[in-house]
Amino acid sequence: MQVDNSVALLNANYSAPFSQTKSQAGDALLKEQTDKFEAFFLKQVLDIAMNSEEENGLFEKDAGDKIYKSMYNDTMSSALSGGLGLSQMLFDYLKAGR
């Protein structure tokens, strides 16, 4: 049985568009990771800011209060990530260092 490898070898030698898409894919992955880092940073800030326990609050504290606050902070940090500027600054710094 004879296998024709000519098309595969032709595509393997033509690597100009592949390297460009590889770079773009790397940039997209890097941007995704910097956005995740910014979301993590914002969650830590929100956790500290929302940690103030009011002793004479309007509502009583219940068992689900901490879980609700954590879920709220997760959602807010995900929604706010990418808009603070930390992600873009970190992306530019890491991309220049490659």
PDB file of N, CA and C in Angstrom:
ATOM      1  N   MET A   1       0.838  -1.177   0.000  1.00  0.00           N
ATOM      2  CA  MET A   1       0.000   0.000   0.000  1.00  0.00           C
ATOM      3  C   MET A   1       0.883   1.240   0.000  1.00  0.00           C
ATOM      4  N   GLN A   2       0.630   2.134  -0.894  1.00  0.00           N
ATOM      5  CA  GLN A   2       1.411   3.354  -1.061  1.00  0.00           C
ATOM      6  C   GLN A   2       0.625   4.536  -0.477  1.00  0.00           C
ATOM      7  N   VAL A   3       1.258   5.337   0.387  1.00  0.00           N
ATOM      8  CA  VAL A   3       0.625   6.511   0.988  1.00  0.00           C
ATOM      9  C   VAL A   3       1.247   7.752   0.385  1.00  0.00           C
ATOM     10  N   ASP A   4       0.400   8.681  -0.041  1.00  0.00           N
ATOM     11  CA  ASP A   4       0.869   9.918  -0.653  1.00  0.00           C
ATOM     12  C   ASP A   4       1.013  10.982   0.439  1.00  0.00           C
ATOM     13  N   ASN A   5       2.250  11.381   0.755  1.00  0.00           N
ATOM     14  CA  ASN A   5       2.529  12.372   1.789  1.00  0.00           C
ATOM     15  C   ASN A   5       2.799  13.749   1.217  1.00  0.00           C
ATOM     16  N   SER A   6       2.653  13.942  -0.064  1.00  0.00           N
ATOM     17  CA  SER A   6       3.065  15.201  -0.679  1.00  0.00           C
ATOM     18  C   SER A   6       2.251  16.387  -0.174  1.00  0.00           C
ATOM     19  N   VAL A   7       0.947  16.221   0.015  1.00  0.00           N
ATOM     20  CA  VAL A   7       0.119  17.329   0.499  1.00  0.00           C
ATOM     21  C   VAL A   7       0.488  17.663   1.940  1.00  0.00           C
ATOM     22  N   ALA A   8       0.704  16.662   2.764  1.00  0.00           N
ATOM     23  CA  ALA A   8       1.071  16.893   4.156  1.00  0.00           C
ATOM     24  C   ALA A   8       2.429  17.572   4.256  1.00  0.00           C
ATOM     25  N   LEU A   9       3.376  17.167   3.441  1.00  0.00           N
ATOM     26  CA  LEU A   9       4.689  17.796   3.451  1.00  0.00           C
ATOM     27  C   LEU A   9       4.627  19.219   2.931  1.00  0.00           C
ATOM     28  N   LEU A  10       3.781  19.475   1.943  1.00  0.00           N
ATOM     29  CA  LEU A  10       3.627  20.826   1.413  1.00  0.00           C
ATOM     30  C   LEU A  10       3.070  21.755   2.494  1.00  0.00           C
ATOM     31  N   ASN A  11       2.073  21.291   3.230  1.00  0.00           N
ATOM     32  CA  ASN A  11       1.489  22.094   4.299  1.00  0.00           C
ATOM     33  C   ASN A  11       2.455  22.276   5.459  1.00  0.00           C
ATOM     34  N   ALA A  12       3.285  21.297   5.727  1.00  0.00           N
ATOM     35  CA  ALA A  12       4.245  21.407   6.824  1.00  0.00           C
ATOM     36  C   ALA A  12       5.327  22.426   6.510  1.00  0.00           C
ATOM     37  N   ASN A  13       5.710  22.560   5.258  1.00  0.00           N
ATOM     38  CA  ASN A  13       6.745  23.520   4.887  1.00  0.00           C
ATOM     39  C   ASN A  13       6.212  24.944   4.780  1.00  0.00           C
ATOM     40  N   TYR A  14       4.929  25.093   4.630  1.00  0.00           N
ATOM     41  CA  TYR A  14       4.329  26.425   4.508  1.00  0.00           C
ATOM     42  C   TYR A  14       3.866  26.863   5.884  1.00  0.00           C
ATOM     43  N   SER A  15       4.743  27.532   6.626  1.00  0.00           N
ATOM     44  CA  SER A  15       4.451  27.824   8.028  1.00  0.00           C
ATOM     45  C   SER A  15       4.225  29.302   8.323  1.00  0.00           C
ATOM     46  N   ALA A  16       4.190  30.177   7.334  1.00  0.00           N
ATOM     47  CA  ALA A  16       4.017  31.598   7.611  1.00  0.00           C
ATOM     48  C   ALA A  16       2.671  31.914   8.256  1.00  0.00           C
ATOM     49  N   PRO A  17       1.541  31.477   7.707  1.00  0.00           N
ATOM     50  CA  PRO A  17       0.281  31.788   8.384  1.00  0.00           C
ATOM     51  C   PRO A  17       0.132  31.056   9.713  1.00  0.00           C
ATOM     52  N   PHE A  18       0.725  29.865   9.809  1.00  0.00           N
ATOM     53  CA  PHE A  18       0.627  29.111  11.053  1.00  0.00           C
ATOM     54  C   PHE A  18       1.316  29.850  12.198  1.00  0.00           C
ATOM     55  N   SER A  19       2.477  30.434  11.935  1.00  0.00           N
ATOM     56  CA  SER A  19       3.170  31.150  12.999  1.00  0.00           C
ATOM     57  C   SER A  19       2.410  32.404  13.407  1.00  0.00           C
ATOM     58  N   GLN A  20       1.714  33.011  12.456  1.00  0.00           N
ATOM     59  CA  GLN A  20       0.931  34.198  12.793  1.00  0.00           C
ATOM     60  C   GLN A  20      -0.275  33.803  13.648  1.00  0.00           C
ATOM     61  N   THR A  21      -0.960  32.740  13.280  1.00  0.00           N
ATOM     62  CA  THR A  21      -2.094  32.303  14.086  1.00  0.00           C
ATOM     63  C   THR A  21      -1.633  31.771  15.434  1.00  0.00           C
ATOM     64  N   LYS A  22      -0.453  31.179  15.481  1.00  0.00           N
ATOM     65  CA  LYS A  22       0.080  30.701  16.759  1.00  0.00           C
ATOM     66  C   LYS A  22       0.330  31.878  17.685  1.00  0.00           C
ATOM     67  N   SER A  23       0.863  32.967  17.135  1.00  0.00           N
ATOM     68  CA  SER A  23       1.102  34.166  17.931  1.00  0.00           C
ATOM     69  C   SER A  23      -0.220  34.781  18.397  1.00  0.00           C
ATOM     70  N   GLN A  24      -1.202  34.820  17.508  1.00  0.00           N
ATOM     71  CA  GLN A  24      -2.505  35.366  17.881  1.00  0.00           C
ATOM     72  C   GLN A  24      -3.181  34.494  18.926  1.00  0.00           C
ATOM     73  N   ALA A  25      -3.045  33.187  18.791  1.00  0.00           N
ATOM     74  CA  ALA A  25      -3.625  32.282  19.783  1.00  0.00           C
ATOM     75  C   ALA A  25      -2.928  32.461  21.133  1.00  0.00           C
ATOM     76  N   GLY A  26      -1.613  32.652  21.106  1.00  0.00           N
ATOM     77  CA  GLY A  26      -0.872  32.897  22.341  1.00  0.00           C
ATOM     78  C   GLY A  26      -1.285  34.201  22.997  1.00  0.00           C
ATOM     79  N   ASP A  27      -1.513  35.236  22.173  1.00  0.00           N
ATOM     80  CA  ASP A  27      -1.975  36.513  22.714  1.00  0.00           C
ATOM     81  C   ASP A  27      -3.362  36.379  23.333  1.00  0.00           C
ATOM     82  N   ALA A  28      -4.230  35.609  22.676  1.00  0.00           N
ATOM     83  CA  ALA A  28      -5.582  35.412  23.211  1.00  0.00           C
ATOM     84  C   ALA A  28      -5.541  34.666  24.539  1.00  0.00           C
ATOM     85  N   LEU A  29      -4.684  33.651  24.632  1.00  0.00           N
ATOM     86  CA  LEU A  29      -4.553  32.918  25.891  1.00  0.00           C
ATOM     87  C   LEU A  29      -3.955  33.786  26.991  1.00  0.00           C
ATOM     88  N   LEU A  30      -2.975  34.600  26.625  1.00  0.00           N
ATOM     89  CA  LEU A  30      -2.369  35.501  27.603  1.00  0.00           C
ATOM     90  C   LEU A  30      -3.383  36.528  28.103  1.00  0.00           C
ATOM     91  N   LYS A  31      -4.186  37.073  27.192  1.00  0.00           N
ATOM     92  CA  LYS A  31      -5.209  38.053  27.577  1.00  0.00           C
ATOM     93  C   LYS A  31      -6.252  37.409  28.484  1.00  0.00           C
ATOM     94  N   GLU A  32      -6.613  36.172  28.190  1.00  0.00           N
ATOM     95  CA  GLU A  32      -7.581  35.464  29.023  1.00  0.00           C
ATOM     96  C   GLU A  32      -7.032  35.271  30.434  1.00  0.00           C
ATOM     97  N   GLN A  33      -5.760  34.919  30.532  1.00  0.00           N
ATOM     98  CA  GLN A  33      -5.156  34.713  31.846  1.00  0.00           C
ATOM     99  C   GLN A  33      -5.011  36.024  32.621  1.00  0.00           C
ATOM    100  N   THR A  34      -4.664  37.109  31.943  1.00  0.00           N
ATOM    101  CA  THR A  34      -4.550  38.390  32.648  1.00  0.00           C
ATOM    102  C   THR A  34      -5.921  38.875  33.097  1.00  0.00           C
ATOM    103  N   ASP A  35      -6.975  38.596  32.314  1.00  0.00           N
ATOM    104  CA  ASP A  35      -8.328  38.938  32.746  1.00  0.00           C
ATOM    105  C   ASP A  35      -8.726  38.122  33.979  1.00  0.00           C
ATOM    106  N   LYS A  36      -8.336  36.849  34.006  1.00  0.00           N
ATOM    107  CA  LYS A  36      -8.631  36.013  35.172  1.00  0.00           C
ATOM    108  C   LYS A  36      -7.880  36.495  36.402  1.00  0.00           C
ATOM    109  N   PHE A  37      -6.634  36.946  36.201  1.00  0.00           N
ATOM    110  CA  PHE A  37      -5.874  37.475  37.332  1.00  0.00           C
ATOM    111  C   PHE A  37      -6.534  38.742  37.864  1.00  0.00           C
ATOM    112  N   GLU A  38      -6.995  39.605  36.960  1.00  0.00           N
ATOM    113  CA  GLU A  38      -7.667  40.829  37.396  1.00  0.00           C
ATOM    114  C   GLU A  38      -8.953  40.491  38.148  1.00  0.00           C
ATOM    115  N   ALA A  39      -9.696  39.485  37.692  1.00  0.00           N
ATOM    116  CA  ALA A  39     -10.910  39.068  38.391  1.00  0.00           C
ATOM    117  C   ALA A  39     -10.570  38.550  39.788  1.00  0.00           C
ATOM    118  N   PHE A  40      -9.488  37.773  39.902  1.00  0.00           N
ATOM    119  CA  PHE A  40      -9.055  37.277  41.206  1.00  0.00           C
ATOM    120  C   PHE A  40      -8.679  38.439  42.129  1.00  0.00           C
ATOM    121  N   PHE A  41      -7.945  39.399  41.586  1.00  0.00           N
ATOM    122  CA  PHE A  41      -7.535  40.570  42.374  1.00  0.00           C
ATOM    123  C   PHE A  41      -8.763  41.351  42.850  1.00  0.00           C
ATOM    124  N   LEU A  42      -9.729  41.567  41.953  1.00  0.00           N
ATOM    125  CA  LEU A  42     -10.943  42.289  42.325  1.00  0.00           C
ATOM    126  C   LEU A  42     -11.745  41.527  43.375  1.00  0.00           C
ATOM    127  N   LYS A  43     -11.769  40.196  43.278  1.00  0.00           N
ATOM    128  CA  LYS A  43     -12.491  39.408  44.277  1.00  0.00           C
ATOM    129  C   LYS A  43     -11.859  39.582  45.647  1.00  0.00           C
ATOM    130  N   GLN A  44     -10.535  39.604  45.703  1.00  0.00           N
ATOM    131  CA  GLN A  44      -9.868  39.804  46.987  1.00  0.00           C
ATOM    132  C   GLN A  44     -10.199  41.181  47.564  1.00  0.00           C
ATOM    133  N   VAL A  45     -10.210  42.197  46.710  1.00  0.00           N
ATOM    134  CA  VAL A  45     -10.541  43.546  47.167  1.00  0.00           C
ATOM    135  C   VAL A  45     -11.991  43.601  47.654  1.00  0.00           C
ATOM    136  N   LEU A  46     -12.908  43.003  46.888  1.00  0.00           N
ATOM    137  CA  LEU A  46     -14.312  43.007  47.290  1.00  0.00           C
ATOM    138  C   LEU A  46     -14.536  42.219  48.576  1.00  0.00           C
ATOM    139  N   ASP A  47     -13.813  41.111  48.744  1.00  0.00           N
ATOM    140  CA  ASP A  47     -13.940  40.336  49.979  1.00  0.00           C
ATOM    141  C   ASP A  47     -13.529  41.167  51.189  1.00  0.00           C
ATOM    142  N   ILE A  48     -12.467  41.917  51.056  1.00  0.00           N
ATOM    143  CA  ILE A  48     -12.013  42.763  52.162  1.00  0.00           C
ATOM    144  C   ILE A  48     -12.996  43.904  52.403  1.00  0.00           C
ATOM    145  N   ALA A  49     -13.480  44.511  51.318  1.00  0.00           N
ATOM    146  CA  ALA A  49     -14.401  45.638  51.455  1.00  0.00           C
ATOM    147  C   ALA A  49     -15.742  45.211  52.040  1.00  0.00           C
ATOM    148  N   MET A  50     -16.207  44.026  51.672  1.00  0.00           N
ATOM    149  CA  MET A  50     -17.516  43.563  52.141  1.00  0.00           C
ATOM    150  C   MET A  50     -17.425  42.819  53.466  1.00  0.00           C
ATOM    151  N   ASN A  51     -16.239  42.713  54.025  1.00  0.00           N
ATOM    152  CA  ASN A  51     -16.037  41.943  55.247  1.00  0.00           C
ATOM    153  C   ASN A  51     -16.495  42.681  56.494  1.00  0.00           C
ATOM    154  N   SER A  52     -16.831  43.928  56.367  1.00  0.00           N
ATOM    155  CA  SER A  52     -17.222  44.686  57.553  1.00  0.00           C
ATOM    156  C   SER A  52     -18.549  44.141  58.089  1.00  0.00           C
ATOM    157  N   GLU A  53     -18.472  43.487  59.202  1.00  0.00           N
ATOM    158  CA  GLU A  53     -19.656  42.904  59.832  1.00  0.00           C
ATOM    159  C   GLU A  53     -20.337  43.965  60.685  1.00  0.00           C
ATOM    160  N   GLU A  54     -21.554  44.255  60.328  1.00  0.00           N
ATOM    161  CA  GLU A  54     -22.312  45.234  61.101  1.00  0.00           C
ATOM    162  C   GLU A  54     -23.009  44.519  62.256  1.00  0.00           C
ATOM    163  N   GLU A  55     -22.756  44.952  63.456  1.00  0.00           N
ATOM    164  CA  GLU A  55     -23.341  44.310  64.625  1.00  0.00           C
ATOM    165  C   GLU A  55     -24.821  44.635  64.747  1.00  0.00           C
ATOM    166  N   ASN A  56     -25.200  45.847  64.463  1.00  0.00           N
ATOM    167  CA  ASN A  56     -26.593  46.257  64.584  1.00  0.00           C
ATOM    168  C   ASN A  56     -27.180  46.479  63.200  1.00  0.00           C
ATOM    169  N   GLY A  57     -27.043  45.496  62.341  1.00  0.00           N
ATOM    170  CA  GLY A  57     -27.544  45.618  60.986  1.00  0.00           C
ATOM    171  C   GLY A  57     -29.054  45.549  60.930  1.00  0.00           C
ATOM    172  N   LEU A  58     -29.584  45.846  59.784  1.00  0.00           N
ATOM    173  CA  LEU A  58     -31.022  45.843  59.593  1.00  0.00           C
ATOM    174  C   LEU A  58     -31.575  44.420  59.604  1.00  0.00           C
ATOM    175  N   PHE A  59     -30.804  43.496  59.041  1.00  0.00           N
ATOM    176  CA  PHE A  59     -31.257  42.106  58.967  1.00  0.00           C
ATOM    177  C   PHE A  59     -30.376  41.224  59.840  1.00  0.00           C
ATOM    178  N   GLU A  60     -30.949  40.122  60.303  1.00  0.00           N
ATOM    179  CA  GLU A  60     -30.178  39.168  61.093  1.00  0.00           C
ATOM    180  C   GLU A  60     -29.245  38.386  60.172  1.00  0.00           C
ATOM    181  N   LYS A  61     -28.143  37.917  60.742  1.00  0.00           N
ATOM    182  CA  LYS A  61     -27.199  37.090  59.988  1.00  0.00           C
ATOM    183  C   LYS A  61     -27.707  35.663  59.985  1.00  0.00           C
ATOM    184  N   ASP A  62     -27.641  35.017  58.830  1.00  0.00           N
ATOM    185  CA  ASP A  62     -28.060  33.625  58.757  1.00  0.00           C
ATOM    186  C   ASP A  62     -26.932  32.770  58.194  1.00  0.00           C
ATOM    187  N   ALA A  63     -27.184  31.473  58.044  1.00  0.00           N
ATOM    188  CA  ALA A  63     -26.148  30.531  57.617  1.00  0.00           C
ATOM    189  C   ALA A  63     -25.691  30.785  56.187  1.00  0.00           C
ATOM    190  N   GLY A  64     -26.567  31.246  55.323  1.00  0.00           N
ATOM    191  CA  GLY A  64     -26.222  31.442  53.914  1.00  0.00           C
ATOM    192  C   GLY A  64     -25.628  32.794  53.603  1.00  0.00           C
ATOM    193  N   ASP A  65     -25.450  33.629  54.600  1.00  0.00           N
ATOM    194  CA  ASP A  65     -24.963  34.985  54.370  1.00  0.00           C
ATOM    195  C   ASP A  65     -23.562  35.003  53.767  1.00  0.00           C
ATOM    196  N   LYS A  66     -22.658  34.196  54.307  1.00  0.00           N
ATOM    197  CA  LYS A  66     -21.289  34.163  53.786  1.00  0.00           C
ATOM    198  C   LYS A  66     -21.244  33.589  52.380  1.00  0.00           C
ATOM    199  N   ILE A  67     -22.050  32.579  52.132  1.00  0.00           N
ATOM    200  CA  ILE A  67     -22.091  31.977  50.793  1.00  0.00           C
ATOM    201  C   ILE A  67     -22.637  32.986  49.788  1.00  0.00           C
ATOM    202  N   TYR A  68     -23.694  33.688  50.152  1.00  0.00           N
ATOM    203  CA  TYR A  68     -24.278  34.691  49.260  1.00  0.00           C
ATOM    204  C   TYR A  68     -23.270  35.798  48.943  1.00  0.00           C
ATOM    205  N   LYS A  69     -22.569  36.274  49.962  1.00  0.00           N
ATOM    206  CA  LYS A  69     -21.578  37.332  49.737  1.00  0.00           C
ATOM    207  C   LYS A  69     -20.447  36.847  48.831  1.00  0.00           C
ATOM    208  N   SER A  70     -20.018  35.606  49.031  1.00  0.00           N
ATOM    209  CA  SER A  70     -18.956  35.050  48.195  1.00  0.00           C
ATOM    210  C   SER A  70     -19.403  34.918  46.743  1.00  0.00           C
ATOM    211  N   MET A  71     -20.618  34.441  46.536  1.00  0.00           N
ATOM    212  CA  MET A  71     -21.150  34.317  45.175  1.00  0.00           C
ATOM    213  C   MET A  71     -21.324  35.689  44.522  1.00  0.00           C
ATOM    214  N   TYR A  72     -21.781  36.656  45.299  1.00  0.00           N
ATOM    215  CA  TYR A  72     -21.940  38.019  44.791  1.00  0.00           C
ATOM    216  C   TYR A  72     -20.589  38.609  44.389  1.00  0.00           C
ATOM    217  N   ASN A  73     -19.575  38.410  45.231  1.00  0.00           N
ATOM    218  CA  ASN A  73     -18.242  38.922  44.916  1.00  0.00           C
ATOM    219  C   ASN A  73     -17.639  38.233  43.700  1.00  0.00           C
ATOM    220  N   ASP A  74     -17.889  36.930  43.537  1.00  0.00           N
ATOM    221  CA  ASP A  74     -17.427  36.214  42.340  1.00  0.00           C
ATOM    222  C   ASP A  74     -18.034  36.816  41.083  1.00  0.00           C
ATOM    223  N   THR A  75     -19.339  37.034  41.113  1.00  0.00           N
ATOM    224  CA  THR A  75     -20.038  37.578  39.947  1.00  0.00           C
ATOM    225  C   THR A  75     -19.578  38.994  39.639  1.00  0.00           C
ATOM    226  N   MET A  76     -19.443  39.811  40.657  1.00  0.00           N
ATOM    227  CA  MET A  76     -19.015  41.196  40.437  1.00  0.00           C
ATOM    228  C   MET A  76     -17.582  41.258  39.925  1.00  0.00           C
ATOM    229  N   SER A  77     -16.702  40.432  40.453  1.00  0.00           N
ATOM    230  CA  SER A  77     -15.313  40.460  39.997  1.00  0.00           C
ATOM    231  C   SER A  77     -15.201  39.980  38.555  1.00  0.00           C
ATOM    232  N   SER A  78     -16.003  39.002  38.161  1.00  0.00           N
ATOM    233  CA  SER A  78     -15.993  38.545  36.765  1.00  0.00           C
ATOM    234  C   SER A  78     -16.540  39.623  35.839  1.00  0.00           C
ATOM    235  N   ALA A  79     -17.577  40.319  36.279  1.00  0.00           N
ATOM    236  CA  ALA A  79     -18.176  41.366  35.454  1.00  0.00           C
ATOM    237  C   ALA A  79     -17.250  42.577  35.313  1.00  0.00           C
ATOM    238  N   LEU A  80     -16.505  42.879  36.343  1.00  0.00           N
ATOM    239  CA  LEU A  80     -15.640  44.059  36.329  1.00  0.00           C
ATOM    240  C   LEU A  80     -14.269  43.800  35.720  1.00  0.00           C
ATOM    241  N   SER A  81     -13.880  42.535  35.571  1.00  0.00           N
ATOM    242  CA  SER A  81     -12.531  42.245  35.076  1.00  0.00           C
ATOM    243  C   SER A  81     -12.396  42.671  33.622  1.00  0.00           C
ATOM    244  N   GLY A  82     -11.249  43.210  33.292  1.00  0.00           N
ATOM    245  CA  GLY A  82     -10.978  43.699  31.948  1.00  0.00           C
ATOM    246  C   GLY A  82     -11.233  45.182  31.804  1.00  0.00           C
ATOM    247  N   GLY A  83     -11.976  45.772  32.705  1.00  0.00           N
ATOM    248  CA  GLY A  83     -12.299  47.187  32.612  1.00  0.00           C
ATOM    249  C   GLY A  83     -11.509  48.064  33.559  1.00  0.00           C
ATOM    250  N   LEU A  84     -10.800  47.456  34.472  1.00  0.00           N
ATOM    251  CA  LEU A  84     -10.046  48.229  35.465  1.00  0.00           C
ATOM    252  C   LEU A  84      -8.741  48.778  34.889  1.00  0.00           C
ATOM    253  N   GLY A  85      -8.160  48.064  33.937  1.00  0.00           N
ATOM    254  CA  GLY A  85      -6.906  48.490  33.328  1.00  0.00           C
ATOM    255  C   GLY A  85      -5.715  47.676  33.788  1.00  0.00           C
ATOM    256  N   LEU A  86      -5.858  46.976  34.883  1.00  0.00           N
ATOM    257  CA  LEU A  86      -4.770  46.141  35.389  1.00  0.00           C
ATOM    258  C   LEU A  86      -4.470  45.002  34.421  1.00  0.00           C
ATOM    259  N   SER A  87      -5.512  44.426  33.855  1.00  0.00           N
ATOM    260  CA  SER A  87      -5.347  43.319  32.910  1.00  0.00           C
ATOM    261  C   SER A  87      -4.571  43.760  31.673  1.00  0.00           C
ATOM    262  N   GLN A  88      -4.931  44.911  31.118  1.00  0.00           N
ATOM    263  CA  GLN A  88      -4.255  45.407  29.909  1.00  0.00           C
ATOM    264  C   GLN A  88      -2.805  45.772  30.201  1.00  0.00           C
ATOM    265  N   MET A  89      -2.570  46.376  31.351  1.00  0.00           N
ATOM    266  CA  MET A  89      -1.210  46.746  31.730  1.00  0.00           C
ATOM    267  C   MET A  89      -0.340  45.501  31.902  1.00  0.00           C
ATOM    268  N   LEU A  90      -0.874  44.487  32.555  1.00  0.00           N
ATOM    269  CA  LEU A  90      -0.145  43.236  32.748  1.00  0.00           C
ATOM    270  C   LEU A  90       0.074  42.517  31.423  1.00  0.00           C
ATOM    271  N   PHE A  91      -0.928  42.531  30.543  1.00  0.00           N
ATOM    272  CA  PHE A  91      -0.807  41.920  29.224  1.00  0.00           C
ATOM    273  C   PHE A  91       0.306  42.577  28.417  1.00  0.00           C
ATOM    274  N   ASP A  92       0.323  43.909  28.392  1.00  0.00           N
ATOM    275  CA  ASP A  92       1.365  44.630  27.646  1.00  0.00           C
ATOM    276  C   ASP A  92       2.750  44.337  28.201  1.00  0.00           C
ATOM    277  N   TYR A  93       2.871  44.286  29.516  1.00  0.00           N
ATOM    278  CA  TYR A  93       4.161  44.017  30.151  1.00  0.00           C
ATOM    279  C   TYR A  93       4.654  42.610  29.814  1.00  0.00           C
ATOM    280  N   LEU A  94       3.768  41.630  29.927  1.00  0.00           N
ATOM    281  CA  LEU A  94       4.168  40.249  29.654  1.00  0.00           C
ATOM    282  C   LEU A  94       4.429  40.004  28.172  1.00  0.00           C
ATOM    283  N   LYS A  95       3.674  40.673  27.305  1.00  0.00           N
ATOM    284  CA  LYS A  95       3.882  40.499  25.873  1.00  0.00           C
ATOM    285  C   LYS A  95       5.217  41.110  25.451  1.00  0.00           C
ATOM    286  N   ALA A  96       5.603  42.230  26.040  1.00  0.00           N
ATOM    287  CA  ALA A  96       6.880  42.861  25.717  1.00  0.00           C
ATOM    288  C   ALA A  96       8.061  42.030  26.229  1.00  0.00           C
ATOM    289  N   GLY A  97       7.827  41.257  27.259  1.00  0.00           N
ATOM    290  CA  GLY A  97       8.898  40.450  27.834  1.00  0.00           C
ATOM    291  C   GLY A  97       9.165  39.149  27.110  1.00  0.00           C
ATOM    292  N   ARG A  98       8.347  38.813  26.133  1.00  0.00           N
ATOM    293  CA  ARG A  98       8.555  37.548  25.398  1.00  0.00           C
ATOM    294  C   ARG A  98       9.768  37.583  24.536  1.00  0.00           C
TER     295      ARG A  98
END
